[in-house]
Amino acid sequence: MNRNTIQKEIIHQTLCRMHNHPTAAMVYEEIHQEHATISRSTVYRVLGQMADEGIILRLGLSGTDSRFDGNVHQHGHVRCRMCGDIKDIPAVLIEEPKDTCGYHIEEYSVEYKGVCPECQKNAN
């Protein structure tokens, strides 16, 4: 196995262990603790490549840096507007709009926003 494959596997395994839908910076910080030889640029590049290849998901959530998700199965996300926590939720079936303005729809995402249980507790 060559070095790039080993690094890619380490990055993928780390992302899949992190269930907080991390940014590339968060993945790098996690990896750097055990694998100081893997550079920040390598982590960012490999995450981008894996997202482009469909191995992982890149979440383009409004108002945040790109977040990554190792769970590629169909599902949705809910994000706390107070602390930024993101959780997976079951997917819902959404019909394609009747009028797409001539666009061929390739994918869509649904983002729910609210207040997580911990922030609700802290607000009271």
C-alpha atoms as a PDB file:
ATOM      1  CA  MET A   1       0.000   0.000   0.000  1.00  0.00           C
ATOM      2  CA  ASN A   2       1.518   3.355  -0.965  1.00  0.00           C
ATOM      3  CA  ARG A   3       1.772   6.369   1.312  1.00  0.00           C
ATOM      4  CA  ASN A   4      -1.146   8.233  -0.321  1.00  0.00           C
ATOM      5  CA  THR A   5      -3.431   5.233   0.143  1.00  0.00           C
ATOM      6  CA  ILE A   6      -2.390   4.871   3.791  1.00  0.00           C
ATOM      7  CA  GLN A   7      -2.966   8.572   4.447  1.00  0.00           C
ATOM      8  CA  LYS A   8      -6.337   8.453   2.677  1.00  0.00           C
ATOM      9  CA  GLU A   9      -7.380   5.471   4.800  1.00  0.00           C
ATOM     10  CA  ILE A  10      -6.286   7.203   8.022  1.00  0.00           C
ATOM     11  CA  ILE A  11      -8.232  10.333   7.060  1.00  0.00           C
ATOM     12  CA  HIS A  12     -11.324   8.315   6.119  1.00  0.00           C
ATOM     13  CA  GLN A  13     -11.241   6.234   9.317  1.00  0.00           C
ATOM     14  CA  THR A  14     -10.780   9.360  11.432  1.00  0.00           C
ATOM     15  CA  LEU A  15     -13.723  11.110   9.781  1.00  0.00           C
ATOM     16  CA  CYS A  16     -15.943   8.050  10.255  1.00  0.00           C
ATOM     17  CA  ARG A  17     -15.020   7.908  13.958  1.00  0.00           C
ATOM     18  CA  MET A  18     -15.983  11.559  14.384  1.00  0.00           C
ATOM     19  CA  HIS A  19     -19.755  11.723  14.512  1.00  0.00           C
ATOM     20  CA  ASN A  20     -19.869  15.520  14.787  1.00  0.00           C
ATOM     21  CA  HIS A  21     -19.767  16.306  11.042  1.00  0.00           C
ATOM     22  CA  PRO A  22     -16.379  18.010  11.390  1.00  0.00           C
ATOM     23  CA  THR A  23     -14.729  20.680   9.293  1.00  0.00           C
ATOM     24  CA  ALA A  24     -11.457  19.843   7.551  1.00  0.00           C
ATOM     25  CA  ALA A  25      -9.643  21.726  10.333  1.00  0.00           C
ATOM     26  CA  MET A  26     -11.300  19.542  12.970  1.00  0.00           C
ATOM     27  CA  VAL A  27     -10.307  16.361  11.097  1.00  0.00           C
ATOM     28  CA  TYR A  28      -6.727  17.633  10.805  1.00  0.00           C
ATOM     29  CA  GLU A  29      -6.546  18.381  14.555  1.00  0.00           C
ATOM     30  CA  GLU A  30      -7.815  14.885  15.361  1.00  0.00           C
ATOM     31  CA  ILE A  31      -5.326  13.235  12.978  1.00  0.00           C
ATOM     32  CA  HIS A  32      -2.395  15.410  14.019  1.00  0.00           C
ATOM     33  CA  GLN A  33      -2.538  13.992  17.574  1.00  0.00           C
ATOM     34  CA  GLU A  34      -1.524  10.521  16.350  1.00  0.00           C
ATOM     35  CA  HIS A  35      -0.061  11.148  12.891  1.00  0.00           C
ATOM     36  CA  ALA A  36       1.960  14.359  13.039  1.00  0.00           C
ATOM     37  CA  THR A  37       3.521  13.622   9.630  1.00  0.00           C
ATOM     38  CA  ILE A  38       0.207  14.068   7.775  1.00  0.00           C
ATOM     39  CA  SER A  39       0.045  17.702   6.746  1.00  0.00           C
ATOM     40  CA  ARG A  40      -2.925  20.047   6.943  1.00  0.00           C
ATOM     41  CA  SER A  41      -2.879  20.462   3.153  1.00  0.00           C
ATOM     42  CA  THR A  42      -2.993  16.678   2.695  1.00  0.00           C
ATOM     43  CA  VAL A  43      -6.051  16.380   4.945  1.00  0.00           C
ATOM     44  CA  TYR A  44      -7.869  19.203   3.125  1.00  0.00           C
ATOM     45  CA  ARG A  45      -6.949  17.825  -0.309  1.00  0.00           C
ATOM     46  CA  VAL A  46      -7.898  14.218   0.498  1.00  0.00           C
ATOM     47  CA  LEU A  47     -11.228  15.220   2.068  1.00  0.00           C
ATOM     48  CA  GLY A  48     -12.038  17.238  -1.050  1.00  0.00           C
ATOM     49  CA  GLN A  49     -11.088  14.334  -3.329  1.00  0.00           C
ATOM     50  CA  MET A  50     -13.109  11.824  -1.316  1.00  0.00           C
ATOM     51  CA  ALA A  51     -16.140  14.139  -1.407  1.00  0.00           C
ATOM     52  CA  ASP A  52     -15.756  14.580  -5.181  1.00  0.00           C
ATOM     53  CA  GLU A  53     -15.559  10.770  -5.550  1.00  0.00           C
ATOM     54  CA  GLY A  54     -18.670  10.231  -3.381  1.00  0.00           C
ATOM     55  CA  ILE A  55     -16.761   8.323  -0.695  1.00  0.00           C
ATOM     56  CA  ILE A  56     -17.837  10.911   1.898  1.00  0.00           C
ATOM     57  CA  LEU A  57     -20.324  13.766   1.942  1.00  0.00           C
ATOM     58  CA  ARG A  58     -19.411  17.450   1.894  1.00  0.00           C
ATOM     59  CA  LEU A  59     -22.125  19.370   3.708  1.00  0.00           C
ATOM     60  CA  GLY A  60     -22.585  22.879   2.395  1.00  0.00           C
ATOM     61  CA  LEU A  61     -24.633  24.082   5.344  1.00  0.00           C
ATOM     62  CA  SER A  62     -25.611  27.727   5.321  1.00  0.00           C
ATOM     63  CA  GLY A  63     -23.400  30.026   7.339  1.00  0.00           C
ATOM     64  CA  THR A  64     -20.668  27.463   8.105  1.00  0.00           C
ATOM     65  CA  ASP A  65     -17.423  26.134   6.681  1.00  0.00           C
ATOM     66  CA  SER A  66     -17.858  22.913   4.739  1.00  0.00           C
ATOM     67  CA  ARG A  67     -18.477  20.012   7.066  1.00  0.00           C
ATOM     68  CA  PHE A  68     -17.833  16.377   6.196  1.00  0.00           C
ATOM     69  CA  ASP A  69     -19.823  13.225   6.872  1.00  0.00           C
ATOM     70  CA  GLY A  70     -18.596   9.650   6.567  1.00  0.00           C
ATOM     71  CA  ASN A  71     -22.189   8.405   6.319  1.00  0.00           C
ATOM     72  CA  VAL A  72     -23.013   8.392   2.606  1.00  0.00           C
ATOM     73  CA  HIS A  73     -26.408   6.725   2.984  1.00  0.00           C
ATOM     74  CA  GLN A  74     -29.441   8.886   2.249  1.00  0.00           C
ATOM     75  CA  HIS A  75     -30.233  10.970   5.338  1.00  0.00           C
ATOM     76  CA  GLY A  76     -30.864  14.528   6.434  1.00  0.00           C
ATOM     77  CA  HIS A  77     -29.265  16.825   8.988  1.00  0.00           C
ATOM     78  CA  VAL A  78     -30.467  19.038  11.792  1.00  0.00           C
ATOM     79  CA  ARG A  79     -28.251  21.853  13.102  1.00  0.00           C
ATOM     80  CA  CYS A  80     -28.521  23.755  16.350  1.00  0.00           C
ATOM     81  CA  ARG A  81     -28.609  27.473  15.637  1.00  0.00           C
ATOM     82  CA  MET A  82     -27.063  28.187  19.026  1.00  0.00           C
ATOM     83  CA  CYS A  83     -24.098  25.804  19.382  1.00  0.00           C
ATOM     84  CA  GLY A  84     -23.752  24.540  15.792  1.00  0.00           C
ATOM     85  CA  ASP A  85     -24.119  20.853  16.702  1.00  0.00           C
ATOM     86  CA  ILE A  86     -25.195  18.724  13.724  1.00  0.00           C
ATOM     87  CA  LYS A  87     -26.987  15.391  13.920  1.00  0.00           C
ATOM     88  CA  ASP A  88     -28.151  12.885  11.322  1.00  0.00           C
ATOM     89  CA  ILE A  89     -31.895  12.439  10.933  1.00  0.00           C
ATOM     90  CA  PRO A  90     -33.868  10.065   8.704  1.00  0.00           C
ATOM     91  CA  ALA A  91     -34.331  11.147   5.110  1.00  0.00           C
ATOM     92  CA  VAL A  92     -37.685  12.343   3.868  1.00  0.00           C
ATOM     93  CA  LEU A  93     -38.947  11.875   0.343  1.00  0.00           C
ATOM     94  CA  ILE A  94     -39.091  15.166  -1.532  1.00  0.00           C
ATOM     95  CA  GLU A  95     -40.610  15.311  -4.981  1.00  0.00           C
ATOM     96  CA  GLU A  96     -38.786  17.113  -7.745  1.00  0.00           C
ATOM     97  CA  PRO A  97     -40.420  20.473  -8.489  1.00  0.00           C
ATOM     98  CA  LYS A  98     -42.641  20.523 -11.567  1.00  0.00           C
ATOM     99  CA  ASP A  99     -40.836  23.626 -12.857  1.00  0.00           C
ATOM    100  CA  THR A 100     -37.038  23.476 -12.573  1.00  0.00           C
ATOM    101  CA  CYS A 101     -36.406  26.481 -14.847  1.00  0.00           C
ATOM    102  CA  GLY A 102     -34.811  24.122 -17.367  1.00  0.00           C
ATOM    103  CA  TYR A 103     -32.316  22.697 -14.871  1.00  0.00           C
ATOM    104  CA  HIS A 104     -31.687  18.962 -14.687  1.00  0.00           C
ATOM    105  CA  ILE A 105     -31.737  18.345 -10.919  1.00  0.00           C
ATOM    106  CA  GLU A 106     -28.854  16.080  -9.877  1.00  0.00           C
ATOM    107  CA  GLU A 107     -29.063  16.295  -6.108  1.00  0.00           C
ATOM    108  CA  TYR A 108     -30.621  18.218  -3.274  1.00  0.00           C
ATOM    109  CA  SER A 109     -30.149  18.612   0.439  1.00  0.00           C
ATOM    110  CA  VAL A 110     -32.466  19.551   3.240  1.00  0.00           C
ATOM    111  CA  GLU A 111     -31.166  21.278   6.330  1.00  0.00           C
ATOM    112  CA  TYR A 112     -33.303  21.656   9.413  1.00  0.00           C
ATOM    113  CA  LYS A 113     -32.334  24.287  11.992  1.00  0.00           C
ATOM    114  CA  GLY A 114     -33.462  24.484  15.574  1.00  0.00           C
ATOM    115  CA  VAL A 115     -32.202  24.368  19.133  1.00  0.00           C
ATOM    116  CA  CYS A 116     -30.626  21.163  20.466  1.00  0.00           C
ATOM    117  CA  PRO A 117     -31.720  19.618  23.779  1.00  0.00           C
ATOM    118  CA  GLU A 118     -28.557  20.791  25.576  1.00  0.00           C
ATOM    119  CA  CYS A 119     -29.023  24.413  24.492  1.00  0.00           C
ATOM    120  CA  GLN A 120     -32.724  24.239  25.397  1.00  0.00           C
ATOM    121  CA  LYS A 121     -31.738  23.055  28.876  1.00  0.00           C
ATOM    122  CA  ASN A 122     -29.127  25.813  29.235  1.00  0.00           C
ATOM    123  CA  ALA A 123     -31.598  28.498  28.105  1.00  0.00           C
ATOM    124  CA  ASN A 124     -33.973  27.753  30.982  1.00  0.00           C
END
